[in-house]
Amino acid sequence: MFKPLIAALAAAPLFAGAAFAGPYVNVETNAGWTGDDYTGATTDLHVGFEGALGDSASYYVQGGPAIVAVDGVDTETQFSGKAGLGFGIAESLSAYGEVSFLTADDSDDLGVGGKLGVKYSF
């Protein structure tokens, strides 16, 4: 019960002073296969906010229920969320980062992930 609150408080300093430019809804399914064997899927039903940070940066934060359907196991509903930043480095080059989490019923630990990347536009 406290996991979503802890995650939101941890992400709060990233967004201090930023104006919320706009709310959105994001529905996303991530499914997996090993060869031709389906292993499962997680569907996020998120509500979020995104906006600008100055002239060349942006942010987003989103969260909501996650339906976890592993092949051969009962479907569970967990809570998941993501927060990310993007910023321009040069005219055609940008960088981004994201932190995500997913709760679990049978554990006090959060599943946490991260991603960093650069994008070059032609």
Protein backbone atom coordinates (compact mmCIF):
# COMPACT_ATOMS: atom_id res chain seq x y z
CA MET A 1 0.00 0.00 0.00
CA PHE A 2 2.83 2.37 0.75
CA LYS A 3 4.88 1.41 -2.33
CA PRO A 4 3.09 3.82 -4.73
CA LEU A 5 3.42 6.63 -2.19
CA ILE A 6 7.12 5.95 -1.71
CA ALA A 7 7.71 5.90 -5.47
CA ALA A 8 5.78 9.16 -5.96
CA LEU A 9 7.71 10.88 -3.16
CA ALA A 10 11.02 9.67 -4.59
CA ALA A 11 10.16 11.14 -8.00
CA ALA A 12 8.76 14.42 -6.65
CA PRO A 13 12.08 16.34 -6.55
CA LEU A 14 12.48 15.74 -10.29
CA PHE A 15 9.36 17.77 -10.95
CA ALA A 16 9.55 20.52 -8.33
CA GLY A 17 8.85 23.91 -9.86
CA ALA A 18 7.68 22.48 -13.17
CA ALA A 19 4.30 23.48 -14.52
CA PHE A 20 2.00 20.63 -15.43
CA ALA A 21 1.34 21.29 -19.10
CA GLY A 22 -1.13 18.56 -19.78
CA PRO A 23 -2.73 15.38 -18.57
CA TYR A 24 -2.97 12.26 -20.75
CA VAL A 25 -4.00 8.62 -20.70
CA ASN A 26 -1.54 5.94 -21.85
CA VAL A 27 -2.59 2.32 -22.39
CA GLU A 28 0.39 0.10 -23.25
CA THR A 29 0.85 -3.67 -23.48
CA ASN A 30 4.25 -5.33 -23.37
CA ALA A 31 4.15 -9.01 -24.33
CA GLY A 32 6.89 -11.61 -24.53
CA TRP A 33 7.71 -14.77 -26.43
CA THR A 34 10.52 -17.29 -26.29
CA GLY A 35 10.74 -18.62 -29.82
CA ASP A 36 7.10 -19.18 -30.74
CA ASP A 37 6.05 -19.77 -27.09
CA TYR A 38 4.00 -16.91 -25.59
CA THR A 39 5.22 -16.21 -22.02
CA GLY A 40 2.96 -13.37 -20.87
CA ALA A 41 1.99 -9.71 -21.04
CA THR A 42 1.66 -6.68 -18.81
CA THR A 43 -0.89 -4.02 -19.72
CA ASP A 44 -0.47 -0.58 -18.10
CA LEU A 45 -3.52 1.65 -17.73
CA HIS A 46 -1.84 4.93 -16.83
CA VAL A 47 -2.87 8.52 -16.25
CA GLY A 48 -0.04 11.03 -16.52
CA PHE A 49 1.14 14.58 -16.88
CA GLU A 50 3.78 15.96 -19.25
CA GLY A 51 5.27 19.33 -19.93
CA ALA A 52 8.27 21.47 -20.77
CA LEU A 53 11.22 22.29 -18.56
CA GLY A 54 12.68 25.45 -20.03
CA ASP A 55 13.32 25.72 -23.75
CA SER A 56 14.96 22.37 -24.51
CA ALA A 57 13.79 19.84 -21.94
CA SER A 58 10.60 17.95 -21.15
CA TYR A 59 9.26 15.60 -18.50
CA TYR A 60 6.48 13.12 -17.92
CA VAL A 61 5.16 11.17 -14.94
CA GLN A 62 2.44 8.52 -15.13
CA GLY A 63 0.97 5.70 -13.08
CA GLY A 64 -1.96 3.38 -12.59
CA PRO A 65 -3.01 -0.24 -12.55
CA ALA A 66 -1.00 -2.88 -14.39
CA ILE A 67 -2.67 -6.12 -15.45
CA VAL A 68 -0.05 -8.87 -15.32
CA ALA A 69 -0.97 -11.98 -17.33
CA VAL A 70 1.75 -14.64 -17.23
CA ASP A 71 1.04 -17.73 -19.34
CA GLY A 72 -0.34 -20.52 -17.17
CA VAL A 73 -0.75 -18.32 -14.05
CA ASP A 74 -3.77 -16.41 -12.72
CA THR A 75 -3.92 -12.79 -13.91
CA GLU A 76 -2.99 -10.22 -11.24
CA THR A 77 -3.51 -6.49 -10.98
CA GLN A 78 -0.53 -4.53 -9.65
CA PHE A 79 0.41 -0.84 -9.63
CA SER A 80 3.01 0.58 -12.00
CA GLY A 81 4.45 3.94 -12.89
CA LYS A 82 7.04 5.72 -14.99
CA ALA A 83 8.82 9.06 -14.90
CA GLY A 84 11.10 10.42 -17.57
CA LEU A 85 13.12 13.38 -18.76
CA GLY A 86 14.24 14.39 -22.24
CA PHE A 87 16.49 17.23 -23.29
CA GLY A 88 18.11 18.61 -26.39
CA ILE A 89 21.89 18.42 -26.66
CA ALA A 90 22.29 19.90 -30.15
CA GLU A 91 19.99 20.67 -33.09
CA SER A 92 19.69 17.00 -34.16
CA LEU A 93 20.73 15.25 -30.94
CA SER A 94 18.69 14.61 -27.80
CA ALA A 95 18.97 12.43 -24.71
CA TYR A 96 16.35 10.81 -22.51
CA GLY A 97 15.99 8.77 -19.35
CA GLU A 98 13.18 6.87 -17.68
CA VAL A 99 12.63 5.15 -14.34
CA SER A 100 9.77 2.66 -13.97
CA PHE A 101 8.40 0.42 -11.23
CA LEU A 102 5.91 -2.43 -10.73
CA THR A 103 4.57 -3.68 -7.39
CA ALA A 104 4.26 -7.36 -6.46
CA ASP A 105 1.73 -8.97 -4.10
CA ASP A 106 4.08 -11.61 -2.73
CA SER A 107 7.01 -9.32 -1.95
CA ASP A 108 7.81 -6.05 -0.21
CA ASP A 109 10.22 -5.19 -3.01
CA LEU A 110 9.39 -3.06 -6.03
CA GLY A 111 10.42 -4.21 -9.48
CA VAL A 112 12.38 -1.21 -10.75
CA GLY A 113 13.73 -0.54 -14.23
CA GLY A 114 15.60 2.21 -15.97
CA LYS A 115 16.48 3.33 -19.44
CA LEU A 116 18.89 5.88 -20.88
CA GLY A 117 19.33 6.77 -24.51
CA VAL A 118 20.31 9.25 -27.16
CA LYS A 119 18.43 10.02 -30.36
CA TYR A 120 19.90 11.47 -33.55
CA SER A 121 17.40 12.94 -36.03
CA PHE A 122 18.25 13.19 -39.76
